[in-house]
Amino acid sequence: MTLKEIAQYLGGELRGAADLEISGPARIEMAKEGEITFLANLKYQHHLQTTKASAILVESEIDGLDLPQIIVQNAYVAFVFLLRLFSPPEERYITGKSDQAVIDPTAQVDPSAHVGPFVYIGPGCKVGKDTTLYPGVVLLKNVQVGDDCIFYPNVSIREECRVGNRVILHNGCVIGSDGFGFAPKDGKYEKIPQLGSVVIEDDVEIGANTTIDRATLGETIIRKGTKLDNLVQIAHNVEVGSHTVIASQTGIAGSTKIGNHVTIAGQVGITGHISVGDGAILAAQSGITKSVPEKNVMFGTPALPLSRQKRIDVSLRHLPEMVKKIHQLENEIIALKEELKKSQK
């Protein structure tokens, strides 16, 4: 495509040769002649001097740069759309329904759905239009799946769970396993029946080997547009709001409510029966033990507001010098007291 065509597609403002042909997008440090790159993070700015890209997406014109520029409002998002433009649609190599799939006679599978080998669809299940189930997917009794979903190999969905439209579940997801509920009695643990289900709304994407437990009673809910990374654990009766993102190795304990547009970084641990407000940001490796108000940025274990935790971290770096100074002041006070006693005799 020409730069003019790309700029028009992105709604950007072109500075440079409109007829320059571009073969595809690339990272700024790896781009070759004929490719287009982007700059959204200033820590990559030093690559401007060495990049071999033929053009670049930027958020404001860079003076003195001998490279055609397309000015856009958000270079990172624009590059995402550019990747889509140059990426062909994913080839669906499973079509129709495999003879090696096991589909219960009471299940309702739309004729346009694609079911791979070794898929099991249990009694009372419903599978919507143009949904693709790759090999090894298991849907137990009364599972409902919407339209245009993609379930990659070895996804398991337990009884009575419901999945909306355009949901992507990556390899090894487990939806609806029993919540971790045990009541102590006489030195042993009695298993608490987990009688609820999981509801996943539209346009959710869930990473590989992530687990979402069914509710004890009621529903564990993942609201529309939310994205979960690999290796995330969502416990029973948790509710995750819409358009929230949760990174790898995060664990959320039972009955906690996560708001809308929340950002949860990697290895965050969140205790049960609390709430995290809309727009909050939980930094990596934070331990969340209390409810978080909306739009707060939290960090540390136990997590504190980010600005306070940063001040504490800076103070800790100077702790040896501070202890030494305190001892010096203590010695000076003792010496002053001794002198005062002598002067009073």
Protein backbone atom coordinates (compact mmCIF):
# COMPACT_ATOMS: atom_id res chain seq x y z
CA MET A 1 0.00 0.00 0.00
CA THR A 2 1.08 3.59 -0.48
CA LEU A 3 1.62 5.97 2.41
CA LYS A 4 -1.33 8.01 1.16
CA GLU A 5 -3.61 4.97 1.40
CA ILE A 6 -2.32 4.12 4.88
CA ALA A 7 -2.77 7.70 6.11
CA GLN A 8 -6.33 7.76 4.79
CA TYR A 9 -7.10 4.40 6.42
CA LEU A 10 -5.79 5.62 9.80
CA GLY A 11 -7.25 9.13 9.51
CA GLY A 12 -3.74 10.53 9.93
CA GLU A 13 -1.90 13.52 8.49
CA LEU A 14 0.90 12.63 6.09
CA ARG A 15 4.26 14.39 6.01
CA GLY A 16 6.28 12.94 3.15
CA ALA A 17 6.06 11.04 -0.11
CA ALA A 18 2.44 10.07 -0.69
CA ASP A 19 3.26 7.47 -3.36
CA LEU A 20 5.87 5.60 -1.31
CA GLU A 21 4.93 1.91 -1.24
CA ILE A 22 4.91 0.05 2.08
CA SER A 23 5.16 -3.74 2.31
CA GLY A 24 4.20 -4.10 5.98
CA PRO A 25 4.62 -2.96 9.62
CA ALA A 26 7.62 -3.67 11.88
CA ARG A 27 9.16 -2.78 15.25
CA ILE A 28 11.30 0.32 15.16
CA GLU A 29 14.56 -1.50 15.97
CA MET A 30 13.92 -4.32 13.48
CA ALA A 31 12.26 -2.52 10.57
CA LYS A 32 13.69 -2.84 7.08
CA GLU A 33 13.44 -0.67 4.01
CA GLY A 34 9.87 -0.66 2.69
CA GLU A 35 8.32 -1.16 6.16
CA ILE A 36 6.51 1.26 8.45
CA THR A 37 7.03 1.53 12.21
CA PHE A 38 5.71 3.66 15.09
CA LEU A 39 6.90 5.65 18.10
CA ALA A 40 4.58 5.74 21.12
CA ASN A 41 7.06 5.38 23.99
CA LEU A 42 9.88 7.93 24.32
CA LYS A 43 12.31 5.33 25.67
CA TYR A 44 12.53 4.01 22.09
CA GLN A 45 13.30 7.45 20.68
CA HIS A 46 17.02 6.67 20.34
CA HIS A 47 16.14 4.14 17.60
CA LEU A 48 15.12 7.04 15.35
CA GLN A 49 18.76 7.54 14.45
CA THR A 50 19.32 3.95 13.36
CA THR A 51 15.98 2.59 12.14
CA LYS A 52 15.85 1.41 8.54
CA ALA A 53 12.08 1.86 8.30
CA SER A 54 10.77 3.81 5.31
CA ALA A 55 8.05 5.62 7.32
CA ILE A 56 6.83 6.08 10.88
CA LEU A 57 3.61 6.73 12.83
CA VAL A 58 3.99 9.52 15.41
CA GLU A 59 1.70 11.59 17.61
CA SER A 60 3.37 14.89 16.75
CA GLU A 61 5.73 15.82 13.95
CA ILE A 62 9.41 15.23 14.74
CA ASP A 63 11.52 18.07 13.36
CA GLY A 64 14.68 17.13 11.52
CA LEU A 65 13.68 13.50 11.03
CA ASP A 66 14.54 12.42 7.50
CA LEU A 67 11.66 9.96 7.34
CA PRO A 68 8.07 10.29 6.09
CA GLN A 69 5.72 10.66 9.04
CA ILE A 70 2.02 9.95 9.54
CA ILE A 71 0.70 12.00 12.46
CA VAL A 72 -2.06 10.28 14.43
CA GLN A 73 -3.78 10.87 17.74
CA ASN A 74 -2.53 7.65 19.34
CA ALA A 75 0.42 5.95 17.63
CA TYR A 76 0.09 2.69 19.56
CA VAL A 77 -3.60 2.23 18.73
CA ALA A 78 -3.00 3.31 15.13
CA PHE A 79 -0.30 0.65 14.82
CA VAL A 80 -2.77 -1.96 16.07
CA PHE A 81 -5.14 -1.04 13.24
CA LEU A 82 -2.21 -1.09 10.84
CA LEU A 83 -1.36 -4.65 11.92
CA ARG A 84 -4.94 -5.65 11.19
CA LEU A 85 -4.76 -3.98 7.79
CA PHE A 86 -1.72 -6.03 6.77
CA SER A 87 -2.83 -9.27 8.45
CA PRO A 88 -4.98 -11.67 6.44
CA PRO A 89 -7.98 -13.15 8.27
CA GLU A 90 -7.10 -16.17 10.39
CA GLU A 91 -7.41 -19.31 8.33
CA ARG A 92 -9.92 -21.69 9.87
CA TYR A 93 -8.48 -25.12 9.24
CA ILE A 94 -11.41 -26.86 10.92
CA THR A 95 -14.64 -26.78 8.96
CA GLY A 96 -17.85 -28.63 9.50
CA LYS A 97 -18.19 -31.27 12.19
CA SER A 98 -15.60 -33.98 12.59
CA ASP A 99 -16.72 -37.61 12.65
CA GLN A 100 -14.38 -38.00 15.63
CA ALA A 101 -16.33 -35.49 17.73
CA VAL A 102 -18.86 -36.75 20.28
CA ILE A 103 -22.05 -34.68 20.25
CA ASP A 104 -24.92 -35.69 22.52
CA PRO A 105 -28.22 -36.12 20.65
CA THR A 106 -29.87 -33.51 22.90
CA ALA A 107 -27.23 -30.87 22.14
CA GLN A 108 -28.12 -28.05 19.73
CA VAL A 109 -25.15 -27.18 17.51
CA ASP A 110 -25.77 -24.57 14.83
CA PRO A 111 -25.18 -25.93 11.31
CA SER A 112 -22.59 -23.20 10.68
CA ALA A 113 -20.49 -24.12 13.74
CA HIS A 114 -17.16 -25.91 13.26
CA VAL A 115 -16.36 -28.83 15.57
CA GLY A 116 -12.94 -30.48 15.50
CA PRO A 117 -11.88 -34.03 16.32
CA PHE A 118 -12.12 -35.29 19.91
CA VAL A 119 -14.49 -32.51 20.94
CA TYR A 120 -17.16 -33.53 23.46
CA ILE A 121 -20.47 -31.64 23.57
CA GLY A 122 -22.68 -32.89 26.40
CA PRO A 123 -26.41 -33.16 26.95
CA GLY A 124 -28.45 -29.98 26.66
CA CYS A 125 -25.59 -27.88 25.29
CA LYS A 126 -26.12 -25.08 22.79
CA VAL A 127 -23.44 -23.85 20.36
CA GLY A 128 -24.10 -20.73 18.27
CA LYS A 129 -23.45 -19.66 14.69
CA ASP A 130 -19.91 -19.71 13.22
CA THR A 131 -18.36 -20.80 16.52
CA THR A 132 -15.20 -22.91 16.20
CA LEU A 133 -14.29 -25.64 18.69
CA TYR A 134 -10.75 -26.91 18.18
CA PRO A 135 -9.65 -30.47 19.07
CA GLY A 136 -10.06 -31.56 22.66
CA VAL A 137 -12.65 -28.98 23.70
CA VAL A 138 -15.08 -30.31 26.33
CA LEU A 139 -18.51 -28.83 27.05
CA LEU A 140 -20.30 -30.61 29.87
CA LYS A 141 -24.03 -30.65 30.56
CA ASN A 142 -26.17 -27.61 29.61
CA VAL A 143 -23.29 -25.34 28.57
CA GLN A 144 -24.43 -22.45 26.37
CA VAL A 145 -22.04 -20.89 23.84
CA GLY A 146 -22.89 -17.89 21.66
CA ASP A 147 -22.01 -16.92 18.09
CA ASP A 148 -18.57 -16.36 16.50
CA CYS A 149 -16.63 -17.80 19.44
CA ILE A 150 -13.23 -19.50 19.13
CA PHE A 151 -12.24 -22.15 21.69
CA TYR A 152 -8.69 -23.38 21.17
CA PRO A 153 -7.54 -26.95 21.99
CA ASN A 154 -8.27 -28.47 25.40
CA VAL A 155 -10.64 -25.79 26.68
CA SER A 156 -12.96 -27.26 29.34
CA ILE A 157 -16.29 -25.76 30.33
CA ARG A 158 -18.20 -27.36 33.16
CA GLU A 159 -21.93 -27.81 33.69
CA GLU A 160 -24.46 -24.97 33.35
CA CYS A 161 -21.92 -22.27 32.38
CA ARG A 162 -22.82 -19.61 29.80
CA VAL A 163 -20.55 -17.93 27.26
CA GLY A 164 -21.58 -14.94 25.14
CA ASN A 165 -20.75 -13.94 21.58
CA ARG A 166 -17.28 -13.40 20.06
CA VAL A 167 -15.51 -14.92 23.05
CA ILE A 168 -11.98 -16.28 22.58
CA LEU A 169 -10.72 -18.95 24.99
CA HIS A 170 -7.10 -19.97 24.54
CA ASN A 171 -5.56 -23.40 25.09
CA GLY A 172 -6.25 -25.09 28.39
CA CYS A 173 -8.78 -22.63 29.85
CA VAL A 174 -10.92 -24.20 32.56
CA ILE A 175 -14.27 -22.52 33.07
CA GLY A 176 -16.57 -23.57 35.89
CA SER A 177 -14.39 -25.85 38.00
CA ASP A 178 -15.37 -26.09 41.66
CA GLY A 179 -14.62 -23.10 43.86
CA PHE A 180 -12.19 -23.65 46.72
CA GLY A 181 -14.76 -24.07 49.48
CA PHE A 182 -14.16 -26.22 52.59
CA ALA A 183 -15.60 -25.87 56.10
CA PRO A 184 -13.48 -27.03 59.07
CA LYS A 185 -15.16 -29.60 61.34
CA ASP A 186 -13.62 -31.82 64.01
CA GLY A 187 -10.11 -31.33 62.68
CA LYS A 188 -11.10 -32.13 59.08
CA TYR A 189 -12.57 -30.23 56.15
CA GLU A 190 -16.08 -30.68 54.77
CA LYS A 191 -16.42 -29.85 51.08
CA ILE A 192 -18.93 -27.05 50.44
CA PRO A 193 -21.05 -27.90 47.38
CA GLN A 194 -20.42 -25.49 44.52
CA LEU A 195 -23.88 -25.19 42.99
CA GLY A 196 -23.54 -21.99 40.95
CA SER A 197 -22.13 -21.31 37.49
CA VAL A 198 -19.89 -19.00 35.45
CA VAL A 199 -21.18 -16.34 33.05
CA ILE A 200 -18.83 -14.88 30.44
CA GLU A 201 -20.32 -11.98 28.52
CA ASP A 202 -19.65 -10.82 24.93
CA ASP A 203 -16.21 -9.94 23.49
CA VAL A 204 -14.18 -11.43 26.33
CA GLU A 205 -10.77 -12.98 25.65
CA ILE A 206 -9.17 -15.36 28.15
CA GLY A 207 -5.55 -16.52 28.00
CA ALA A 208 -4.09 -20.01 28.13
CA ASN A 209 -4.44 -22.07 31.31
CA THR A 210 -6.53 -19.45 33.07
CA THR A 211 -9.10 -20.83 35.51
CA ILE A 212 -12.46 -19.37 36.50
CA ASP A 213 -14.28 -21.15 39.32
CA ARG A 214 -18.03 -21.63 39.45
CA ALA A 215 -19.95 -19.83 42.21
CA THR A 216 -20.95 -21.52 45.43
CA LEU A 217 -24.43 -20.12 44.79
CA GLY A 218 -25.30 -17.71 42.02
CA GLU A 219 -22.73 -16.75 39.38
CA THR A 220 -19.09 -15.92 38.86
CA ILE A 221 -19.23 -13.19 36.19
CA ILE A 222 -16.79 -11.81 33.62
CA ARG A 223 -18.41 -8.75 32.05
CA LYS A 224 -18.26 -7.72 28.39
CA GLY A 225 -15.01 -6.71 26.71
CA THR A 226 -12.73 -7.83 29.53
CA LYS A 227 -9.36 -9.41 28.68
CA LEU A 228 -7.57 -11.94 30.88
CA ASP A 229 -3.96 -13.02 30.37
CA ASN A 230 -2.55 -16.53 30.74
CA LEU A 231 -2.41 -18.17 34.18
CA VAL A 232 -5.00 -16.01 35.94
CA GLN A 233 -7.09 -17.47 38.77
CA ILE A 234 -10.61 -16.15 39.36
CA ALA A 235 -12.25 -17.67 42.46
CA HIS A 236 -15.91 -18.43 43.16
CA ASN A 237 -18.46 -15.61 43.13
CA VAL A 238 -15.98 -13.05 41.84
CA GLU A 239 -17.43 -10.40 39.54
CA VAL A 240 -15.10 -8.69 37.05
CA GLY A 241 -16.50 -5.56 35.39
CA SER A 242 -16.46 -4.64 31.71
CA HIS A 243 -13.36 -3.68 29.71
CA THR A 244 -10.99 -4.59 32.51
CA VAL A 245 -7.55 -6.08 31.80
CA ILE A 246 -5.83 -8.60 34.09
CA ALA A 247 -2.22 -9.72 33.52
CA SER A 248 -0.61 -13.08 34.11
CA GLN A 249 -0.34 -14.83 37.49
CA THR A 250 -2.92 -12.62 39.16
CA GLY A 251 -5.16 -14.34 41.71
CA ILE A 252 -8.51 -12.98 42.90
CA ALA A 253 -10.06 -14.58 45.97
CA GLY A 254 -13.74 -15.36 46.42
CA SER A 255 -16.61 -12.87 46.33
CA THR A 256 -14.45 -9.89 45.38
CA LYS A 257 -15.91 -7.31 42.97
CA ILE A 258 -13.66 -5.74 40.34
CA GLY A 259 -14.98 -2.62 38.61
CA ASN A 260 -15.01 -1.46 35.00
CA HIS A 261 -11.88 -0.33 33.12
CA VAL A 262 -9.60 -1.60 35.89
CA THR A 263 -5.96 -2.42 35.06
CA ILE A 264 -4.42 -5.27 37.09
CA ALA A 265 -0.74 -5.97 36.36
CA GLY A 266 1.11 -9.27 36.75
CA GLN A 267 1.35 -11.28 39.96
CA VAL A 268 -1.21 -9.20 41.85
CA GLY A 269 -2.90 -10.96 44.76
CA ILE A 270 -6.37 -9.76 45.79
CA THR A 271 -8.03 -10.97 48.97
CA GLY A 272 -11.67 -12.00 49.14
CA HIS A 273 -14.84 -10.04 49.94
CA ILE A 274 -13.49 -6.62 48.92
CA SER A 275 -14.11 -4.29 45.96
CA VAL A 276 -11.88 -2.53 43.46
CA GLY A 277 -13.40 0.65 42.03
CA ASP A 278 -13.78 1.64 38.39
CA GLY A 279 -10.62 2.82 36.67
CA ALA A 280 -8.27 1.67 39.43
CA ILE A 281 -4.73 0.53 38.57
CA LEU A 282 -3.04 -2.21 40.60
CA ALA A 283 0.71 -2.30 39.93
CA ALA A 284 2.67 -5.53 39.48
CA GLN A 285 3.17 -7.80 42.52
CA SER A 286 0.83 -5.74 44.69
CA GLY A 287 -1.01 -7.39 47.56
CA ILE A 288 -4.51 -5.95 47.84
CA THR A 289 -5.95 -6.53 51.30
CA LYS A 290 -8.55 -3.74 51.48
CA SER A 291 -11.09 -2.25 49.09
CA VAL A 292 -9.66 0.18 46.53
CA PRO A 293 -11.55 3.38 45.63
CA GLU A 294 -12.15 4.19 41.98
CA LYS A 295 -9.24 5.56 39.92
CA ASN A 296 -6.70 4.89 42.69
CA VAL A 297 -3.24 3.63 41.69
CA MET A 298 -2.00 1.04 44.19
CA PHE A 299 1.39 -0.57 44.72
CA GLY A 300 3.21 -2.70 47.29
CA THR A 301 2.40 -5.41 49.82
CA PRO A 302 0.15 -4.58 51.48
CA ALA A 303 -0.69 -2.16 48.69
CA LEU A 304 -0.72 1.57 49.38
CA PRO A 305 -1.46 4.56 47.15
CA LEU A 306 1.40 4.70 44.64
CA SER A 307 2.72 8.13 45.68
CA ARG A 308 2.93 7.08 49.35
CA GLN A 309 4.58 3.75 48.52
CA LYS A 310 7.19 5.55 46.39
CA ARG A 311 8.05 7.87 49.31
CA ILE A 312 8.41 4.84 51.56
CA ASP A 313 10.66 3.11 49.03
CA VAL A 314 12.89 6.19 48.77
CA SER A 315 13.09 6.44 52.57
CA LEU A 316 14.03 2.75 52.88
CA ARG A 317 17.03 3.28 50.59
CA HIS A 318 18.38 5.80 53.10
CA LEU A 319 17.54 3.71 56.17
CA PRO A 320 21.17 2.78 57.14
CA GLU A 321 22.23 6.44 57.05
CA MET A 322 19.10 7.43 58.99
CA VAL A 323 19.80 4.82 61.71
CA LYS A 324 23.40 6.03 61.97
CA LYS A 325 22.24 9.63 62.28
CA ILE A 326 19.71 8.70 64.98
CA HIS A 327 22.45 6.97 67.00
CA GLN A 328 24.64 10.08 66.65
CA LEU A 329 21.78 12.29 67.86
CA GLU A 330 21.11 9.93 70.78
CA ASN A 331 24.79 10.12 71.80
CA GLU A 332 24.73 13.90 71.52
CA ILE A 333 21.61 14.08 73.71
CA ILE A 334 23.25 11.82 76.31
CA ALA A 335 26.36 14.02 76.29
CA LEU A 336 24.25 17.18 76.68
CA LYS A 337 22.38 15.64 79.60
CA GLU A 338 25.68 14.77 81.30
CA GLU A 339 26.95 18.33 80.81
CA LEU A 340 23.67 19.72 82.18
CA LYS A 341 23.98 17.54 85.30
CA LYS A 342 27.55 18.72 85.87
CA SER A 343 26.56 22.39 85.48
CA GLN A 344 23.77 22.00 88.05
CA LYS A 345 26.07 20.62 90.78
